[in-house]
Amino acid sequence: MTSKDFFSYISQHYNKNLPFVAYSLPNTFETKAVLQKDKALYKIEDYNETGFVFAPFDIRKDAILMPYSKSRTLLTLDDIVIEKEEEKVHFDINNDEPHHLHLVEKGIESINKGELQKVVLSRKETLDLEFPLDPLKVFKTLLNNYNSAFVYCWYHPKVGMWLGATPETLLSVERNRFSTMALAGTQDYVGTLDVNWSSKEIEEQKMVSKYVEKVLQEHIKNIEVSEVQTVKAGKLLHLRTDISGELIDHSKSIQKLILKLHPTPAVCGLPKIDAMQFILDNEHYNREFYSGFLGELNKETKVQPRSGRRNIENTAYTFNKRSTNLFVNLRCMQLQGSKAILYVGGGITKDSNPENEWLETVNKTNTIKSVITTST
């Protein structure tokens, strides 16, 4: 399907006020869509379902499913191109610097008391736009700028419109193979991956990696942990460790792994329950789906073995491959009429500096704002 037809179908679907998600997996040139045929709000029961899942930060709240059985799926391999325009969007900004500085100071105080090892503190920033953004145009901008990220545009009339380009995998499962990552640390990309990281960021990355490896021991065998590497995500750099292995028991393993990993130390903190409670008690806003997770759940695809057999024989040997690809919902925004709500955060440790942590969130919002200003 051409990209023109692809986006035409999505636009028509959206104009009918029907749920959909359009997305692209990292480092691919495929853009997919799931178009739900009704307006029902389906919810996850046990993660044995098949469909596209969209889950909130608070694991106690419902995760939403767009079931494949209730949807039409689309795929395009075309390059997505948007036309650049001279006019730029103008917006008014809500500045909550004093509140965020106080929040970070409180987090550091809790860490120094020994109550926490790390806590990830976030904020939202509301942009008052002159006119509503075209979500599909913003999605195209994200696709053109973030090929190494999971890029998505998600809509449900009973929930709202969310878009993002996240660099972090929660988990990936294909048959019995499992992989995830530990992501921490942020700095601006200035043309090179050969950069120096502070002791605070290195320690934070080590803390996240050790935690993920530890909680996987019960469910994953033959665990392999890569060396820490610097990776680029748009205009930002992060420290990343890749972790992989084999599922010990595939039955109900997806749900068990999600409950172990989510929310990760990269979006919540350590110890997990204490850090989550600190966030709920002190951030004073609802993260909703920011720092939750989303992606393909138990997606089945037909696979033909590579062999020299004739085509008719290959058809007989075709089998279904089931895979799950879930991503942490970072670098995201919510669109509400002529407002764009941006969500950003940062990991706080004993070595954190409140002013530096504030500047990190500013850099992250600037990355998202650059998408908005080139999508008008």
Protein backbone atom coordinates (compact mmCIF):
# COMPACT_ATOMS: atom_id res chain seq x y z
CA MET A 1 0.00 0.00 0.00
CA THR A 2 1.32 3.47 -0.86
CA SER A 3 1.79 5.96 1.97
CA LYS A 4 -0.84 8.20 0.34
CA ASP A 5 -3.46 5.44 0.52
CA PHE A 6 -2.24 4.43 3.98
CA PHE A 7 -2.80 7.88 5.49
CA SER A 8 -6.00 8.38 3.53
CA TYR A 9 -7.52 5.29 5.16
CA ILE A 10 -6.39 6.44 8.63
CA SER A 11 -7.74 9.96 8.07
CA GLN A 12 -11.13 8.63 6.98
CA HIS A 13 -11.20 6.34 10.01
CA TYR A 14 -10.28 9.20 12.36
CA ASN A 15 -12.96 11.43 10.82
CA LYS A 16 -15.50 8.76 11.82
CA ASN A 17 -14.25 9.13 15.41
CA LEU A 18 -13.10 5.49 15.51
CA PRO A 19 -10.11 4.18 17.52
CA PHE A 20 -6.80 3.59 15.75
CA VAL A 21 -3.07 3.38 16.24
CA ALA A 22 -0.40 4.02 13.61
CA TYR A 23 3.18 3.11 14.46
CA SER A 24 6.64 2.08 13.31
CA LEU A 25 9.01 -0.29 15.11
CA PRO A 26 12.60 0.93 15.71
CA ASN A 27 15.05 0.77 12.82
CA THR A 28 12.48 -0.33 10.25
CA PHE A 29 10.90 1.32 7.24
CA GLU A 30 7.52 -0.28 7.81
CA THR A 31 4.64 1.84 9.06
CA LYS A 32 1.67 -0.09 10.42
CA ALA A 33 -1.84 0.76 11.55
CA VAL A 34 -4.57 -0.95 13.53
CA LEU A 35 -8.02 0.47 12.76
CA GLN A 36 -10.63 -0.67 15.29
CA LYS A 37 -14.05 -1.20 13.70
CA ASP A 38 -16.15 -0.07 16.67
CA LYS A 39 -15.94 2.50 19.49
CA ALA A 40 -15.87 -0.02 22.35
CA LEU A 41 -13.20 0.36 25.04
CA TYR A 42 -11.61 -3.08 25.36
CA LYS A 43 -9.44 -3.80 28.39
CA ILE A 44 -6.65 -6.27 29.14
CA GLU A 45 -7.52 -9.16 31.45
CA ASP A 46 -4.42 -11.39 31.59
CA TYR A 47 -2.15 -10.45 28.65
CA ASN A 48 -3.08 -13.60 26.75
CA GLU A 49 -5.08 -11.34 24.42
CA THR A 50 -3.89 -10.38 20.94
CA GLY A 51 -3.90 -6.77 19.83
CA PHE A 52 -2.26 -3.42 20.43
CA VAL A 53 -1.99 -2.59 24.14
CA PHE A 54 -1.81 0.89 25.69
CA ALA A 55 -1.15 0.82 29.45
CA PRO A 56 -0.87 3.61 32.07
CA PHE A 57 1.99 4.29 34.48
CA ASP A 58 -0.13 3.09 37.41
CA ILE A 59 -0.26 -0.69 36.93
CA ARG A 60 -3.39 -0.83 39.12
CA LYS A 61 -5.37 0.96 36.42
CA ASP A 62 -6.80 -0.61 33.27
CA ALA A 63 -4.66 -1.26 30.21
CA ILE A 64 -6.50 -0.68 26.93
CA LEU A 65 -6.50 -3.12 24.02
CA MET A 66 -7.28 -2.65 20.34
CA PRO A 67 -7.99 -6.33 19.48
CA TYR A 68 -6.75 -7.57 16.12
CA SER A 69 -10.00 -9.56 15.83
CA LYS A 70 -12.00 -6.32 15.99
CA SER A 71 -9.73 -4.31 13.72
CA ARG A 72 -8.35 -3.88 10.23
CA THR A 73 -4.57 -3.76 9.87
CA LEU A 74 -2.62 -1.74 7.30
CA LEU A 75 1.02 -1.65 6.22
CA THR A 76 3.08 0.67 4.05
CA LEU A 77 6.76 0.47 3.09
CA ASP A 78 6.83 3.85 1.36
CA ASP A 79 8.97 6.70 2.62
CA ILE A 80 6.86 9.18 4.58
CA VAL A 81 7.50 12.74 3.42
CA ILE A 82 5.95 15.94 4.76
CA GLU A 83 6.01 19.34 3.15
CA LYS A 84 7.94 22.00 5.04
CA GLU A 85 6.17 25.31 5.56
CA GLU A 86 7.61 28.66 6.51
CA GLU A 87 5.01 29.47 9.14
CA LYS A 88 5.89 28.26 12.63
CA VAL A 89 3.54 27.55 15.47
CA HIS A 90 3.47 29.95 18.42
CA PHE A 91 2.49 28.88 21.90
CA ASP A 92 2.21 30.03 25.47
CA ILE A 93 4.06 27.93 28.05
CA ASN A 94 3.19 27.05 31.62
CA ASN A 95 6.41 27.40 33.63
CA ASP A 96 6.51 25.17 36.70
CA GLU A 97 10.25 25.49 37.45
CA PRO A 98 9.80 26.39 41.16
CA HIS A 99 7.57 23.37 41.77
CA HIS A 100 9.91 20.99 39.95
CA LEU A 101 12.98 22.27 41.81
CA HIS A 102 11.17 21.75 45.10
CA LEU A 103 10.07 18.27 44.02
CA VAL A 104 13.64 17.27 43.13
CA GLU A 105 14.94 18.65 46.44
CA LYS A 106 12.35 16.56 48.27
CA GLY A 107 13.40 13.48 46.29
CA ILE A 108 17.08 14.00 47.14
CA GLU A 109 16.15 14.44 50.80
CA SER A 110 14.28 11.12 50.78
CA ILE A 111 17.29 9.41 49.18
CA ASN A 112 19.69 10.89 51.75
CA LYS A 113 17.42 9.56 54.52
CA GLY A 114 17.81 6.06 53.05
CA GLU A 115 14.13 5.79 52.09
CA LEU A 116 14.92 5.54 48.37
CA GLN A 117 17.92 4.72 46.16
CA LYS A 118 16.55 6.48 43.10
CA VAL A 119 13.31 8.16 42.07
CA VAL A 120 12.23 9.39 38.64
CA LEU A 121 10.38 12.69 38.91
CA SER A 122 8.41 14.17 36.07
CA ARG A 123 6.28 17.12 35.07
CA LYS A 124 3.88 18.06 32.33
CA GLU A 125 4.00 21.24 30.28
CA THR A 126 0.91 22.54 28.52
CA LEU A 127 1.33 24.47 25.27
CA ASP A 128 -1.58 26.74 24.31
CA LEU A 129 -1.55 26.68 20.51
CA GLU A 130 -3.16 29.09 18.09
CA PHE A 131 -5.03 26.21 16.44
CA PRO A 132 -5.36 22.41 16.84
CA LEU A 133 -2.48 20.34 15.48
CA ASP A 134 -3.03 17.78 12.74
CA PRO A 135 -2.02 14.56 14.58
CA LEU A 136 -1.19 12.66 11.40
CA LYS A 137 1.12 15.45 10.27
CA VAL A 138 2.87 15.36 13.67
CA PHE A 139 3.15 11.58 13.30
CA LYS A 140 4.81 11.98 9.89
CA THR A 141 7.31 14.44 11.39
CA LEU A 142 8.14 11.93 14.11
CA LEU A 143 8.62 9.18 11.52
CA ASN A 144 11.00 11.35 9.50
CA ASN A 145 13.11 12.28 12.52
CA TYR A 146 13.14 9.23 14.82
CA ASN A 147 13.83 6.07 12.83
CA SER A 148 15.66 4.44 15.76
CA ALA A 149 12.69 4.96 18.11
CA PHE A 150 9.25 3.40 18.43
CA VAL A 151 7.04 6.07 16.86
CA TYR A 152 3.27 6.07 17.31
CA CYS A 153 -0.01 7.96 17.02
CA TRP A 154 -2.77 6.47 19.22
CA TYR A 155 -6.40 7.56 19.44
CA HIS A 156 -9.55 6.42 21.17
CA PRO A 157 -12.63 8.69 21.39
CA LYS A 158 -13.15 7.69 25.04
CA VAL A 159 -9.51 8.33 26.03
CA GLY A 160 -7.91 10.87 23.69
CA MET A 161 -5.01 11.39 21.31
CA TRP A 162 -1.41 10.49 22.21
CA LEU A 163 1.77 10.61 20.12
CA GLY A 164 5.40 9.85 20.85
CA ALA A 165 8.80 8.58 19.83
CA THR A 166 10.25 6.46 22.61
CA PRO A 167 13.83 5.11 22.72
CA GLU A 168 13.13 2.47 25.40
CA THR A 169 12.00 -1.14 24.97
CA LEU A 170 10.08 -2.64 27.88
CA LEU A 171 10.29 -6.17 26.51
CA SER A 172 10.36 -8.13 23.28
CA VAL A 173 9.38 -11.80 23.06
CA GLU A 174 9.51 -13.99 19.95
CA ARG A 175 8.64 -17.62 20.69
CA ASN A 176 11.01 -18.36 23.60
CA ARG A 177 13.49 -15.56 22.95
CA PHE A 178 13.36 -12.53 25.25
CA SER A 179 15.08 -9.14 25.19
CA THR A 180 14.88 -5.83 27.02
CA MET A 181 17.13 -2.89 27.82
CA ALA A 182 18.29 -0.74 30.73
CA LEU A 183 18.26 2.95 29.76
CA ALA A 184 19.44 5.90 31.83
CA GLY A 185 21.34 9.18 31.54
CA THR A 186 20.61 12.04 29.16
CA GLN A 187 22.65 14.70 27.41
CA ASP A 188 22.40 16.74 24.21
CA TYR A 189 23.68 15.26 20.98
CA VAL A 190 26.33 17.60 19.53
CA GLY A 191 27.46 15.59 16.51
CA THR A 192 29.29 12.68 18.16
CA LEU A 193 28.65 9.60 20.31
CA ASP A 194 32.12 9.92 21.84
CA VAL A 195 31.12 11.85 24.96
CA ASN A 196 31.90 11.87 28.66
CA TRP A 197 29.29 10.85 31.20
CA SER A 198 29.15 12.04 34.79
CA SER A 199 29.58 9.65 37.70
CA LYS A 200 25.91 10.30 38.58
CA GLU A 201 24.72 9.11 35.17
CA ILE A 202 27.05 6.09 35.10
CA GLU A 203 25.91 5.02 38.56
CA GLU A 204 22.27 5.53 37.62
CA GLN A 205 22.69 3.32 34.54
CA LYS A 206 24.42 0.61 36.59
CA MET A 207 21.61 0.71 39.15
CA VAL A 208 18.93 0.23 36.47
CA SER A 209 20.84 -2.56 34.71
CA LYS A 210 21.46 -4.54 37.91
CA TYR A 211 17.82 -4.29 38.92
CA VAL A 212 16.52 -5.52 35.55
CA GLU A 213 18.97 -8.42 35.49
CA LYS A 214 18.00 -9.40 39.05
CA VAL A 215 14.22 -9.46 38.53
CA LEU A 216 14.62 -11.54 35.36
CA GLN A 217 16.52 -14.38 37.07
CA GLU A 218 13.31 -16.18 38.03
CA HIS A 219 11.84 -16.14 34.52
CA ILE A 220 14.77 -16.01 32.06
CA LYS A 221 17.67 -18.43 31.54
CA ASN A 222 20.97 -17.97 29.69
CA ILE A 223 20.86 -14.23 30.37
CA GLU A 224 23.29 -12.14 28.33
CA VAL A 225 24.15 -8.56 29.26
CA SER A 226 25.88 -6.26 26.78
CA GLU A 227 28.46 -3.62 27.49
CA VAL A 228 27.09 -0.17 28.25
CA GLN A 229 26.85 1.91 25.09
CA THR A 230 26.00 5.47 24.19
CA VAL A 231 22.97 5.66 21.89
CA LYS A 232 21.31 8.52 20.04
CA ALA A 233 17.57 9.21 20.26
CA GLY A 234 16.68 12.23 18.17
CA LYS A 235 18.71 15.15 19.53
CA LEU A 236 19.54 13.39 22.81
CA LEU A 237 22.04 10.75 23.97
CA HIS A 238 21.48 8.00 26.53
CA LEU A 239 23.37 5.15 28.16
CA ARG A 240 21.96 1.73 27.27
CA THR A 241 22.57 -1.89 28.21
CA ASP A 242 20.90 -4.67 26.18
CA ILE A 243 19.72 -7.73 28.10
CA SER A 244 18.49 -10.96 26.47
CA GLY A 245 17.83 -14.64 27.20
CA GLU A 246 15.33 -17.48 26.92
CA LEU A 247 11.96 -17.85 28.63
CA ILE A 248 11.95 -20.60 31.26
CA ASP A 249 8.15 -21.07 31.10
CA HIS A 250 6.18 -19.48 28.29
CA SER A 251 2.77 -19.99 29.95
CA LYS A 252 1.59 -16.68 31.43
CA SER A 253 5.17 -15.40 31.12
CA ILE A 254 4.20 -12.11 29.44
CA GLN A 255 2.02 -11.00 32.34
CA LYS A 256 4.61 -12.09 34.92
CA LEU A 257 7.40 -10.25 33.11
CA ILE A 258 5.34 -7.08 32.77
CA LEU A 259 4.52 -7.09 36.48
CA LYS A 260 8.21 -7.55 37.27
CA LEU A 261 9.54 -4.90 34.89
CA HIS A 262 6.85 -2.20 34.87
CA PRO A 263 7.33 0.48 35.91
CA THR A 264 11.06 0.20 35.27
CA PRO A 265 13.67 2.04 37.38
CA ALA A 266 14.13 4.30 34.35
CA VAL A 267 10.63 5.76 34.85
CA CYS A 268 9.91 5.05 38.52
CA GLY A 269 12.88 4.34 40.81
CA LEU A 270 14.17 1.96 43.49
CA PRO A 271 12.83 0.31 45.56
CA LYS A 272 9.98 0.19 43.05
CA ILE A 273 6.97 0.26 45.39
CA ASP A 274 8.42 2.99 47.62
CA ALA A 275 9.45 5.09 44.61
CA MET A 276 6.01 4.73 43.03
CA GLN A 277 4.34 5.81 46.26
CA PHE A 278 6.64 8.84 46.51
CA ILE A 279 5.69 9.80 42.94
CA LEU A 280 1.96 9.41 43.57
CA ASP A 281 2.22 11.43 46.79
CA ASN A 282 4.41 14.27 45.52
CA GLU A 283 4.15 14.90 41.78
CA HIS A 284 0.62 16.30 42.21
CA TYR A 285 -0.57 15.41 38.73
CA ASN A 286 -1.76 12.28 36.94
CA ARG A 287 0.85 10.81 34.59
CA GLU A 288 -1.90 8.86 32.83
CA PHE A 289 -0.19 6.97 29.99
CA TYR A 290 3.12 8.80 30.22
CA SER A 291 5.77 6.28 31.41
CA GLY A 292 3.28 3.47 30.87
CA PHE A 293 3.86 1.06 27.98
CA LEU A 294 2.41 0.23 24.58
CA GLY A 295 2.87 -2.04 21.59
CA GLU A 296 2.07 -5.29 19.83
CA LEU A 297 0.74 -8.04 22.12
CA ASN A 298 0.89 -11.67 20.96
CA LYS A 299 0.90 -10.66 17.31
CA GLU A 300 0.83 -13.62 14.90
CA THR A 301 2.52 -13.52 11.52
CA LYS A 302 2.79 -16.25 8.90
CA VAL A 303 6.36 -17.42 8.24
CA GLN A 304 7.62 -19.58 5.41
CA PRO A 305 10.87 -21.53 5.96
CA ARG A 306 13.77 -20.65 3.71
CA SER A 307 14.38 -23.67 1.52
CA GLY A 308 14.71 -24.86 -2.04
CA ARG A 309 11.29 -26.50 -2.06
CA ARG A 310 8.77 -25.53 -4.66
CA ASN A 311 6.28 -22.82 -3.69
CA ILE A 312 3.40 -25.31 -3.29
CA GLU A 313 5.47 -27.27 -0.78
CA ASN A 314 6.53 -24.11 1.06
CA THR A 315 2.87 -23.26 1.58
CA ALA A 316 2.35 -26.56 3.33
CA TYR A 317 5.20 -25.79 5.73
CA THR A 318 4.03 -22.27 6.61
CA PHE A 319 3.71 -21.68 10.36
CA ASN A 320 2.52 -18.87 12.62
CA LYS A 321 5.07 -16.92 14.65
CA ARG A 322 3.81 -15.16 17.77
CA SER A 323 5.67 -12.10 19.03
CA THR A 324 5.23 -9.29 21.55
CA ASN A 325 6.97 -5.91 21.30
CA LEU A 326 6.27 -3.45 24.11
CA PHE A 327 7.82 -0.01 24.63
CA VAL A 328 7.98 2.43 27.53
CA ASN A 329 5.92 5.53 26.72
CA LEU A 330 8.55 8.30 26.84
CA ARG A 331 9.01 11.46 24.73
CA CYS A 332 5.28 11.72 24.32
CA MET A 333 2.52 14.29 24.08
CA GLN A 334 -1.24 14.40 24.46
CA LEU A 335 -3.36 16.56 22.16
CA GLN A 336 -6.53 18.16 23.52
CA GLY A 337 -8.12 20.59 21.08
CA SER A 338 -5.69 23.50 20.68
CA LYS A 339 -3.53 22.31 23.60
CA ALA A 340 -0.49 20.06 23.48
CA ILE A 341 0.49 18.51 26.80
CA LEU A 342 4.15 17.40 26.98
CA TYR A 343 5.44 14.90 29.56
CA VAL A 344 9.09 14.76 30.67
CA GLY A 345 11.09 13.53 33.64
CA GLY A 346 14.52 12.58 34.94
CA GLY A 347 16.17 10.13 37.30
CA ILE A 348 17.09 11.53 40.73
CA THR A 349 19.94 10.04 42.79
CA LYS A 350 21.99 11.22 45.77
CA ASP A 351 24.30 13.07 43.36
CA SER A 352 21.53 14.99 41.59
CA ASN A 353 21.55 18.77 41.30
CA PRO A 354 18.03 20.31 41.16
CA GLU A 355 18.98 23.01 38.63
CA ASN A 356 20.64 20.46 36.35
CA GLU A 357 17.64 18.16 36.61
CA TRP A 358 15.37 21.04 35.63
CA LEU A 359 17.55 21.81 32.61
CA GLU A 360 17.40 18.14 31.56
CA THR A 361 13.60 18.30 31.43
CA VAL A 362 13.83 21.56 29.46
CA ASN A 363 16.09 19.87 26.89
CA LYS A 364 13.61 17.02 26.59
CA THR A 365 10.64 19.35 26.09
CA ASN A 366 12.61 21.31 23.49
CA THR A 367 13.07 18.07 21.55
CA ILE A 368 9.31 17.52 21.49
CA LYS A 369 8.59 21.19 20.75
CA SER A 370 10.82 21.02 17.68
CA VAL A 371 8.48 18.34 16.31
CA ILE A 372 5.47 20.59 16.90
CA THR A 373 7.02 23.64 15.26
CA THR A 374 7.86 21.66 12.09
CA SER A 375 4.41 20.03 11.88
CA THR A 376 2.38 23.17 11.25
